[in-house]
Protein backbone atom coordinates (compact mmCIF):
# COMPACT_ATOMS: atom_id res chain seq x y z
CA MET A 1 87.50 99.07 128.09
CA ILE A 2 88.96 96.62 125.58
CA ASN A 3 90.90 93.79 127.18
CA LEU A 4 93.61 92.00 125.20
CA LYS A 5 95.11 90.14 128.13
CA ASN A 6 96.92 86.96 127.04
CA LYS A 7 96.72 87.98 123.37
CA ASN A 8 100.05 87.69 121.54
CA VAL A 9 100.65 90.47 119.04
CA ILE A 10 103.44 91.38 116.60
CA VAL A 11 103.82 95.05 115.60
CA THR A 12 106.12 95.90 112.68
CA GLY A 13 107.49 99.39 112.13
CA ALA A 14 107.20 99.81 115.89
CA SER A 15 109.85 102.49 116.16
CA GLY A 16 107.91 105.09 114.12
CA GLY A 17 105.30 107.54 115.36
CA ILE A 18 102.28 105.41 114.49
CA GLY A 19 104.00 102.15 115.47
CA SER A 20 105.03 103.33 118.91
CA SER A 21 101.53 104.69 119.55
CA VAL A 22 100.08 101.31 118.56
CA VAL A 23 102.45 99.58 120.98
CA GLU A 24 101.38 101.94 123.76
CA LYS A 25 97.67 101.39 123.12
CA LEU A 26 97.97 97.59 122.93
CA ASN A 27 100.11 97.60 126.07
CA GLU A 28 97.40 99.51 127.92
CA ALA A 29 94.93 96.82 126.84
CA GLY A 30 97.15 94.11 128.36
CA ALA A 31 98.44 92.45 125.17
CA ASN A 32 101.71 90.53 125.01
CA ILE A 33 103.64 92.52 122.39
CA LEU A 34 106.61 91.74 120.16
CA ALA A 35 107.80 95.02 118.65
CA THR A 36 110.05 94.96 115.62
CA GLY A 37 111.82 97.47 113.40
CA THR A 38 115.21 98.37 111.99
CA LYS A 39 116.31 100.97 114.57
CA ILE A 40 117.48 99.16 117.69
CA GLU A 41 117.88 102.38 119.70
CA LYS A 42 114.21 103.19 119.13
CA LEU A 43 113.20 99.65 120.04
CA ASP A 44 115.28 99.88 123.22
CA GLN A 45 113.43 103.08 124.12
CA LEU A 46 110.13 101.25 123.72
CA LYS A 47 111.44 98.39 125.85
CA ASN A 48 112.49 100.81 128.58
CA LYS A 49 109.13 102.58 128.47
CA PHE A 50 107.03 99.42 128.39
CA ASP A 51 109.15 96.84 130.18
CA LYS A 52 106.81 93.92 129.46
CA ILE A 53 107.15 94.09 125.69
CA LYS A 54 109.65 92.07 123.71
CA ILE A 55 111.76 93.44 120.87
CA ILE A 56 113.52 91.96 117.85
CA LYS A 57 115.47 94.03 115.34
CA PHE A 58 114.43 92.87 111.88
CA ASP A 59 114.38 94.27 108.36
CA ILE A 60 111.26 93.05 106.56
CA SER A 61 113.00 93.53 103.20
CA ASN A 62 114.85 90.26 103.97
CA HIS A 63 112.16 88.16 102.34
CA ASP A 64 113.97 84.85 102.71
CA LYS A 65 114.17 85.38 106.49
CA ILE A 66 110.56 86.39 107.18
CA GLU A 67 109.41 82.84 107.93
CA ASP A 68 112.23 82.45 110.46
CA PHE A 69 111.34 85.82 111.99
CA ILE A 70 107.69 84.85 112.46
CA GLU A 71 108.84 81.60 114.05
CA GLU A 72 111.23 83.39 116.42
CA ALA A 73 108.70 86.08 117.30
CA THR A 74 105.95 83.55 117.98
CA GLU A 75 108.23 81.46 120.19
CA SER A 76 109.26 84.63 122.05
CA LEU A 77 105.59 85.31 122.74
CA GLY A 78 105.04 81.82 124.12
CA GLY A 79 104.29 79.74 121.04
CA ASN A 80 101.02 81.24 119.81
CA LEU A 81 100.21 84.23 117.58
CA ASP A 82 96.87 86.01 117.85
CA CYS A 83 97.44 89.19 115.86
CA ILE A 84 99.93 90.92 113.59
CA ILE A 85 99.93 94.61 112.68
CA ASN A 86 101.81 95.17 109.42
CA ASN A 87 102.73 98.81 109.85
CA ALA A 88 106.26 99.00 108.42
CA GLY A 89 106.75 100.76 105.11
CA ILE A 90 108.89 103.19 103.13
CA THR A 91 108.58 106.00 100.60
CA LYS A 92 110.86 106.86 97.68
CA ASP A 93 109.03 109.70 95.97
CA ASN A 94 109.67 110.92 92.46
CA LEU A 95 107.71 112.01 89.41
CA THR A 96 106.92 109.03 87.19
CA ILE A 97 109.21 109.92 84.29
CA ARG A 98 112.10 110.37 86.75
CA MET A 99 111.34 107.34 88.92
CA SER A 100 114.04 104.68 88.68
CA MET A 101 113.35 100.96 88.69
CA ASP A 102 115.16 100.83 92.04
CA GLU A 103 112.77 103.41 93.54
CA TRP A 104 109.80 101.48 92.14
CA SER A 105 110.99 98.02 93.16
CA LYS A 106 112.11 98.85 96.70
CA VAL A 107 108.79 100.42 97.63
CA ILE A 108 106.76 97.57 96.11
CA ASP A 109 109.06 94.94 97.65
CA ILE A 110 108.91 96.34 101.18
CA ASN A 111 105.39 97.76 101.35
CA LEU A 112 103.52 95.08 99.41
CA THR A 113 105.60 91.93 99.05
CA SER A 114 106.87 92.00 102.63
CA THR A 115 103.33 92.56 103.93
CA PHE A 116 102.18 89.57 101.88
CA LEU A 117 104.92 87.34 103.29
CA MET A 118 104.42 88.52 106.88
CA SER A 119 100.70 87.78 106.50
CA LYS A 120 101.33 84.41 104.85
CA PHE A 121 103.54 83.05 107.59
CA ALA A 122 101.42 84.63 110.34
CA ILE A 123 98.37 82.85 108.91
CA LYS A 124 100.21 79.53 109.14
CA LYS A 125 100.60 80.13 112.88
CA MET A 126 97.02 81.32 113.30
CA LEU A 127 95.61 78.23 111.59
CA LYS A 128 96.96 76.21 114.52
CA ASN A 129 94.99 78.43 116.91
CA LYS A 130 91.92 78.34 114.64
CA SER A 131 91.70 82.14 114.99
CA GLY A 132 93.66 85.31 114.38
CA LYS A 133 93.70 88.95 113.33
CA ILE A 134 95.77 90.56 110.60
CA ILE A 135 95.73 94.36 110.42
CA ASN A 136 97.48 95.97 107.45
CA ILE A 137 98.25 99.68 107.47
CA THR A 138 97.63 101.28 104.08
CA SER A 139 97.22 104.98 103.22
CA VAL A 140 94.63 107.46 101.99
CA VAL A 141 96.77 108.06 98.89
CA GLY A 142 96.33 104.40 97.96
CA HIS A 143 92.72 105.38 97.25
CA THR A 144 93.16 108.90 95.89
CA GLY A 145 96.54 108.77 94.15
CA ASN A 146 99.23 111.40 94.79
CA VAL A 147 101.78 113.34 92.78
CA GLY A 148 105.24 111.76 92.86
CA GLN A 149 104.06 108.59 94.56
CA ALA A 150 103.14 106.13 91.81
CA ASN A 151 105.19 103.45 93.57
CA TYR A 152 103.84 104.16 97.07
CA THR A 153 100.20 104.47 96.01
CA ALA A 154 100.45 101.25 93.98
CA SER A 155 101.88 99.40 96.98
CA LYS A 156 99.20 100.68 99.35
CA ALA A 157 96.33 99.98 96.93
CA GLY A 158 97.79 96.52 96.42
CA ILE A 159 97.66 95.87 100.15
CA VAL A 160 93.92 96.60 100.17
CA ALA A 161 93.16 94.19 97.31
CA MET A 162 95.46 91.51 98.73
CA SER A 163 93.83 91.82 102.16
CA LYS A 164 90.38 91.27 100.64
CA SER A 165 91.60 88.06 99.03
CA LEU A 166 93.17 86.82 102.27
CA ALA A 167 89.97 87.68 104.14
CA ILE A 168 87.89 85.56 101.76
CA GLU A 169 90.33 82.65 101.88
CA TYR A 170 90.51 82.41 105.68
CA ALA A 171 87.16 83.68 106.99
CA LYS A 172 86.01 80.09 107.61
CA LYS A 173 89.14 79.56 109.70
CA ASN A 174 88.13 82.45 111.98
CA ILE A 175 91.00 84.65 110.77
CA ASN A 176 90.09 88.29 110.17
CA VAL A 177 92.09 90.38 107.70
CA ASN A 178 91.43 94.12 107.61
CA CYS A 179 93.15 97.36 106.65
CA ILE A 180 93.45 100.74 108.28
CA SER A 181 93.96 103.64 105.89
CA PRO A 182 95.42 106.69 107.65
CA GLY A 183 95.08 110.17 106.23
CA PHE A 184 97.74 112.74 107.00
CA ILE A 185 98.97 112.00 110.51
CA ASN A 186 101.17 114.26 112.64
CA THR A 187 104.44 112.30 112.66
CA ASN A 188 108.10 112.93 111.84
CA MET A 189 107.23 112.30 108.19
CA THR A 190 104.64 115.11 108.04
CA ASP A 191 106.90 117.38 110.13
CA LYS A 192 109.18 117.56 107.07
CA ILE A 193 106.38 118.96 104.88
CA ASP A 194 106.67 122.65 103.97
CA GLU A 195 104.34 124.74 106.18
CA LYS A 196 102.49 126.30 103.25
CA PHE A 197 101.88 122.89 101.69
CA LYS A 198 100.79 121.58 105.10
CA GLU A 199 98.24 124.40 105.30
CA THR A 200 96.96 123.38 101.86
CA ILE A 201 96.57 119.78 103.03
CA ILE A 202 94.71 120.83 106.20
CA SER A 203 92.37 123.01 104.13
CA LYS A 204 91.21 119.83 102.35
CA ILE A 205 90.46 117.97 105.59
CA PRO A 206 86.91 118.58 106.90
CA ALA A 207 88.15 118.05 110.47
CA SER A 208 90.59 120.93 109.86
CA ARG A 209 93.58 119.22 111.45
CA LEU A 210 96.13 116.50 110.93
CA GLY A 211 95.42 113.22 112.65
CA LYS A 212 97.28 112.00 115.73
CA PRO A 213 99.12 108.67 115.93
CA SER A 214 96.68 107.72 118.70
CA ASP A 215 93.81 108.02 116.18
CA ILE A 216 95.36 105.16 114.23
CA ALA A 217 96.23 103.23 117.40
CA ASN A 218 92.60 103.39 118.54
CA ALA A 219 91.49 101.90 115.22
CA VAL A 220 94.08 99.12 115.58
CA LEU A 221 92.83 98.37 119.08
CA PHE A 222 89.26 98.02 117.76
CA LEU A 223 90.22 95.65 114.94
CA ALA A 224 92.51 93.62 117.21
CA SER A 225 89.75 93.05 119.73
CA PRO A 226 86.88 90.52 119.87
CA ILE A 227 84.30 93.28 119.30
CA SER A 228 85.33 93.33 115.61
CA ASP A 229 85.10 89.56 115.10
CA TYR A 230 82.45 89.82 112.37
CA ILE A 231 84.42 92.37 110.35
CA THR A 232 86.80 91.10 107.69
CA GLY A 233 88.05 92.27 104.30
CA GLU A 234 87.30 95.88 105.19
CA THR A 235 89.29 99.12 105.18
CA LEU A 236 88.77 101.51 108.07
CA HIS A 237 89.46 105.06 106.87
CA VAL A 238 90.92 107.34 109.53
CA ASN A 239 91.42 110.68 107.80
CA GLY A 240 89.16 113.36 109.31
CA GLY A 241 86.80 113.18 106.34
CA MET A 242 89.49 113.87 103.71
CA TYR A 243 88.47 110.79 101.74
CA LEU A 244 85.13 109.04 102.09
CA GLY A 245 85.58 105.47 100.80
């Protein structure tokens, strides 16, 4: 069993299906967790379910406040930061010729730029510890492309390339930077998909099912733990064989 006792971890997008599953898995492993998101009622539910975790409501689109957030979160965890899971993200789908600059910019700003800034200021904390783990959640469509998601796929592909650069820069400082690329996971987002289209998606997955949030949480647990210390700059694909990177 993986033990993360005394490890201080920040989880963004903690109120969503994948985020809450990640919090649960890390809590089981004994980590000290700071969960953040924009929906305080969802964060309160997490706090009530896992009474040891700490919560801070924060919108990662506030770029000029990210450094202060990392500072506050780290202090709340006791002054050190061992790991951050950049899970928060948005979609604003549209066909390319109909996609507005606002739809393009908001997705890039939140999914890519915010992840860069969260990683940047987390690294500054981790350099003091001389170790750390950054886990960025991407998406299978960042590798395959997808209709109506030029903005989203660009942001997720950008995260992969950015993470490789960060991994190279800070490997000598014992800071690991990796990505997890989920396929289609059974969450509130996929619940909104038309049943016939969902059947089409499942027909393209060799495992013949959608993934579970716990499938992603298990991958996070692995990359957050010491058993993955020699892995950096990689993308772990969790998609039931839908895409083989």
